[in-house]
């Protein structure tokens, strides 16, 4: 099937979420640029709430720098799979600078000391803090 046909199929309301995920993963593996904004849109849709980690996994096929701020948010607030996918995205960034990086560092530093965090999240946050040094 052509990529255009698959992308059109994603707009079908009667197509089950799992089928949409298979299409997304297939096109993301091919690094299809047309699927990128669709993945970002799906992440925000309630019907994909239980599949957010899989969608973030699909984003690992694309340049990580534009996802930096979103990945920081997913790292801090996401469930286990989402936070680990966000970590993978952040880990692929070779260099960033500027205010967004300074702000992210301060936010992560603050959240890393939150005693209500799960142990795994604190470890992930500390690993990301180490990347800033």
C-alpha atoms as a PDB file:
ATOM      1  CA  UNK A   1       0.000   0.000   0.000  1.00  0.00           C
ATOM      2  CA  UNK A   2       1.191   3.515  -0.680  1.00  0.00           C
ATOM      3  CA  UNK A   3       2.079   5.853   2.145  1.00  0.00           C
ATOM      4  CA  UNK A   4      -0.611   8.304   1.016  1.00  0.00           C
ATOM      5  CA  UNK A   5      -3.261   5.616   1.260  1.00  0.00           C
ATOM      6  CA  UNK A   6      -2.058   4.644   4.747  1.00  0.00           C
ATOM      7  CA  UNK A   7      -2.067   8.254   5.920  1.00  0.00           C
ATOM      8  CA  UNK A   8      -5.610   8.685   4.584  1.00  0.00           C
ATOM      9  CA  UNK A   9      -6.639   5.517   6.433  1.00  0.00           C
ATOM     10  CA  UNK A  10      -5.509   7.120   9.697  1.00  0.00           C
ATOM     11  CA  UNK A  11      -8.231   9.737   9.294  1.00  0.00           C
ATOM     12  CA  UNK A  12     -10.951   7.068   9.247  1.00  0.00           C
ATOM     13  CA  UNK A  13     -12.939   7.255  12.493  1.00  0.00           C
ATOM     14  CA  UNK A  14     -14.018   3.630  12.291  1.00  0.00           C
ATOM     15  CA  UNK A  15     -10.452   2.285  12.026  1.00  0.00           C
ATOM     16  CA  UNK A  16      -9.507   0.794  15.421  1.00  0.00           C
ATOM     17  CA  UNK A  17      -6.753   2.483  17.413  1.00  0.00           C
ATOM     18  CA  UNK A  18      -4.540  -0.617  17.246  1.00  0.00           C
ATOM     19  CA  UNK A  19      -4.715  -0.637  13.460  1.00  0.00           C
ATOM     20  CA  UNK A  20      -3.817   3.057  13.424  1.00  0.00           C
ATOM     21  CA  UNK A  21      -0.848   2.330  15.659  1.00  0.00           C
ATOM     22  CA  UNK A  22       0.431  -0.329  13.288  1.00  0.00           C
ATOM     23  CA  UNK A  23       0.261   2.147  10.417  1.00  0.00           C
ATOM     24  CA  UNK A  24       1.991   4.835  12.476  1.00  0.00           C
ATOM     25  CA  UNK A  25       4.806   2.489  13.483  1.00  0.00           C
ATOM     26  CA  UNK A  26       5.265   1.255   9.927  1.00  0.00           C
ATOM     27  CA  UNK A  27       5.480   4.768   8.485  1.00  0.00           C
ATOM     28  CA  UNK A  28       7.663   6.042  11.343  1.00  0.00           C
ATOM     29  CA  UNK A  29      10.143   3.219  10.736  1.00  0.00           C
ATOM     30  CA  UNK A  30      10.372   4.483   7.176  1.00  0.00           C
ATOM     31  CA  UNK A  31      10.901   8.007   8.584  1.00  0.00           C
ATOM     32  CA  UNK A  32       7.942   9.269   6.591  1.00  0.00           C
ATOM     33  CA  UNK A  33       7.745  13.020   7.253  1.00  0.00           C
ATOM     34  CA  UNK A  34       3.993  13.194   6.660  1.00  0.00           C
ATOM     35  CA  UNK A  35       3.298  10.997   9.677  1.00  0.00           C
ATOM     36  CA  UNK A  36       5.305  13.153  12.110  1.00  0.00           C
ATOM     37  CA  UNK A  37       2.632  15.821  12.775  1.00  0.00           C
ATOM     38  CA  UNK A  38      -0.024  13.102  12.881  1.00  0.00           C
ATOM     39  CA  UNK A  39       1.872  11.323  15.657  1.00  0.00           C
ATOM     40  CA  UNK A  40       2.090  14.571  17.645  1.00  0.00           C
ATOM     41  CA  UNK A  41      -1.644  15.081  17.142  1.00  0.00           C
ATOM     42  CA  UNK A  42      -2.492  11.519  18.204  1.00  0.00           C
ATOM     43  CA  UNK A  43      -0.473  11.934  21.414  1.00  0.00           C
ATOM     44  CA  UNK A  44      -2.900  14.667  22.464  1.00  0.00           C
ATOM     45  CA  UNK A  45      -6.067  12.742  21.578  1.00  0.00           C
ATOM     46  CA  UNK A  46      -7.906  10.899  24.380  1.00  0.00           C
ATOM     47  CA  UNK A  47      -8.446   7.775  22.267  1.00  0.00           C
ATOM     48  CA  UNK A  48      -4.645   7.270  22.217  1.00  0.00           C
ATOM     49  CA  UNK A  49      -4.078   7.880  25.925  1.00  0.00           C
ATOM     50  CA  UNK A  50      -3.226   4.218  26.593  1.00  0.00           C
ATOM     51  CA  UNK A  51      -0.907   4.156  23.567  1.00  0.00           C
ATOM     52  CA  UNK A  52       1.089   7.297  24.237  1.00  0.00           C
ATOM     53  CA  UNK A  53       4.296   5.358  24.944  1.00  0.00           C
ATOM     54  CA  UNK A  54       4.053   3.613  21.583  1.00  0.00           C
ATOM     55  CA  UNK A  55       3.550   6.922  19.800  1.00  0.00           C
ATOM     56  CA  UNK A  56       6.564   8.415  21.568  1.00  0.00           C
ATOM     57  CA  UNK A  57       8.528   5.325  20.560  1.00  0.00           C
ATOM     58  CA  UNK A  58       7.570   6.109  16.944  1.00  0.00           C
ATOM     59  CA  UNK A  59       8.942   9.633  17.369  1.00  0.00           C
ATOM     60  CA  UNK A  60      12.362   8.183  18.180  1.00  0.00           C
ATOM     61  CA  UNK A  61      12.769   7.780  14.395  1.00  0.00           C
ATOM     62  CA  UNK A  62      12.862  11.543  13.892  1.00  0.00           C
ATOM     63  CA  UNK A  63      15.296  14.308  14.843  1.00  0.00           C
ATOM     64  CA  UNK A  64      15.092  14.741  18.623  1.00  0.00           C
ATOM     65  CA  UNK A  65      15.885  18.447  18.936  1.00  0.00           C
ATOM     66  CA  UNK A  66      12.401  19.767  18.005  1.00  0.00           C
ATOM     67  CA  UNK A  67      10.925  17.408  20.616  1.00  0.00           C
ATOM     68  CA  UNK A  68      13.114  18.594  23.485  1.00  0.00           C
ATOM     69  CA  UNK A  69      10.541  20.593  25.450  1.00  0.00           C
ATOM     70  CA  UNK A  70       7.804  18.008  24.904  1.00  0.00           C
ATOM     71  CA  UNK A  71      10.206  15.240  25.943  1.00  0.00           C
ATOM     72  CA  UNK A  72      11.006  17.075  29.179  1.00  0.00           C
ATOM     73  CA  UNK A  73       7.289  17.265  29.945  1.00  0.00           C
ATOM     74  CA  UNK A  74       6.774  13.578  29.093  1.00  0.00           C
ATOM     75  CA  UNK A  75       9.750  12.670  31.264  1.00  0.00           C
ATOM     76  CA  UNK A  76       8.339  14.511  34.267  1.00  0.00           C
ATOM     77  CA  UNK A  77       4.646  13.721  33.917  1.00  0.00           C
ATOM     78  CA  UNK A  78       4.412  10.584  31.793  1.00  0.00           C
ATOM     79  CA  UNK A  79       3.796   7.034  32.848  1.00  0.00           C
ATOM     80  CA  UNK A  80       6.708   4.573  32.887  1.00  0.00           C
ATOM     81  CA  UNK A  81       6.779   3.808  29.151  1.00  0.00           C
ATOM     82  CA  UNK A  82       6.205   7.443  28.184  1.00  0.00           C
ATOM     83  CA  UNK A  83       8.946   8.734  30.485  1.00  0.00           C
ATOM     84  CA  UNK A  84      11.435   6.156  29.231  1.00  0.00           C
ATOM     85  CA  UNK A  85      10.615   7.004  25.609  1.00  0.00           C
ATOM     86  CA  UNK A  86      11.147  10.669  26.440  1.00  0.00           C
ATOM     87  CA  UNK A  87      14.485   9.783  28.016  1.00  0.00           C
ATOM     88  CA  UNK A  88      15.507   8.030  24.785  1.00  0.00           C
ATOM     89  CA  UNK A  89      14.610  11.111  22.762  1.00  0.00           C
ATOM     90  CA  UNK A  90      16.555  13.429  25.079  1.00  0.00           C
ATOM     91  CA  UNK A  91      19.500  11.044  25.080  1.00  0.00           C
ATOM     92  CA  UNK A  92      19.763  11.306  21.270  1.00  0.00           C
ATOM     93  CA  UNK A  93      20.282  15.069  21.395  1.00  0.00           C
ATOM     94  CA  UNK A  94      23.945  15.810  20.844  1.00  0.00           C
ATOM     95  CA  UNK A  95      23.881  19.522  21.652  1.00  0.00           C
ATOM     96  CA  UNK A  96      21.390  22.185  22.641  1.00  0.00           C
ATOM     97  CA  UNK A  97      21.878  25.568  24.205  1.00  0.00           C
ATOM     98  CA  UNK A  98      19.926  28.614  25.191  1.00  0.00           C
ATOM     99  CA  UNK A  99      17.150  29.541  27.530  1.00  0.00           C
ATOM    100  CA  UNK A 100      15.056  26.437  26.850  1.00  0.00           C
ATOM    101  CA  UNK A 101      17.935  24.265  28.047  1.00  0.00           C
ATOM    102  CA  UNK A 102      18.526  26.388  31.147  1.00  0.00           C
ATOM    103  CA  UNK A 103      14.819  26.322  31.957  1.00  0.00           C
ATOM    104  CA  UNK A 104      14.615  22.569  31.406  1.00  0.00           C
ATOM    105  CA  UNK A 105      17.577  21.996  33.709  1.00  0.00           C
ATOM    106  CA  UNK A 106      15.933  23.971  36.514  1.00  0.00           C
ATOM    107  CA  UNK A 107      12.602  22.204  36.044  1.00  0.00           C
ATOM    108  CA  UNK A 108      14.197  18.758  36.053  1.00  0.00           C
ATOM    109  CA  UNK A 109      16.313  19.659  39.070  1.00  0.00           C
ATOM    110  CA  UNK A 110      13.200  20.731  40.974  1.00  0.00           C
ATOM    111  CA  UNK A 111      11.223  17.611  40.056  1.00  0.00           C
ATOM    112  CA  UNK A 112      14.147  15.286  40.781  1.00  0.00           C
ATOM    113  CA  UNK A 113      13.974  16.234  44.451  1.00  0.00           C
ATOM    114  CA  UNK A 114      10.243  15.593  44.751  1.00  0.00           C
ATOM    115  CA  UNK A 115       9.949  12.838  47.327  1.00  0.00           C
ATOM    116  CA  UNK A 116       6.592  11.758  45.896  1.00  0.00           C
ATOM    117  CA  UNK A 117       8.259  10.584  42.663  1.00  0.00           C
ATOM    118  CA  UNK A 118       8.512   6.938  41.914  1.00  0.00           C
ATOM    119  CA  UNK A 119      12.061   5.658  42.326  1.00  0.00           C
ATOM    120  CA  UNK A 120      12.439   4.932  38.617  1.00  0.00           C
ATOM    121  CA  UNK A 121      11.398   8.508  37.735  1.00  0.00           C
ATOM    122  CA  UNK A 122      13.900  10.045  40.124  1.00  0.00           C
ATOM    123  CA  UNK A 123      16.614   7.873  38.581  1.00  0.00           C
ATOM    124  CA  UNK A 124      15.604   8.945  35.055  1.00  0.00           C
ATOM    125  CA  UNK A 125      15.529  12.605  36.048  1.00  0.00           C
ATOM    126  CA  UNK A 126      18.964  12.330  37.633  1.00  0.00           C
ATOM    127  CA  UNK A 127      20.301  10.591  34.514  1.00  0.00           C
ATOM    128  CA  UNK A 128      19.016  13.471  32.402  1.00  0.00           C
ATOM    129  CA  UNK A 129      20.556  16.003  34.789  1.00  0.00           C
ATOM    130  CA  UNK A 130      23.887  14.240  34.273  1.00  0.00           C
ATOM    131  CA  UNK A 131      23.521  14.833  30.523  1.00  0.00           C
ATOM    132  CA  UNK A 132      23.535  18.588  31.127  1.00  0.00           C
ATOM    133  CA  UNK A 133      27.006  18.498  32.659  1.00  0.00           C
END
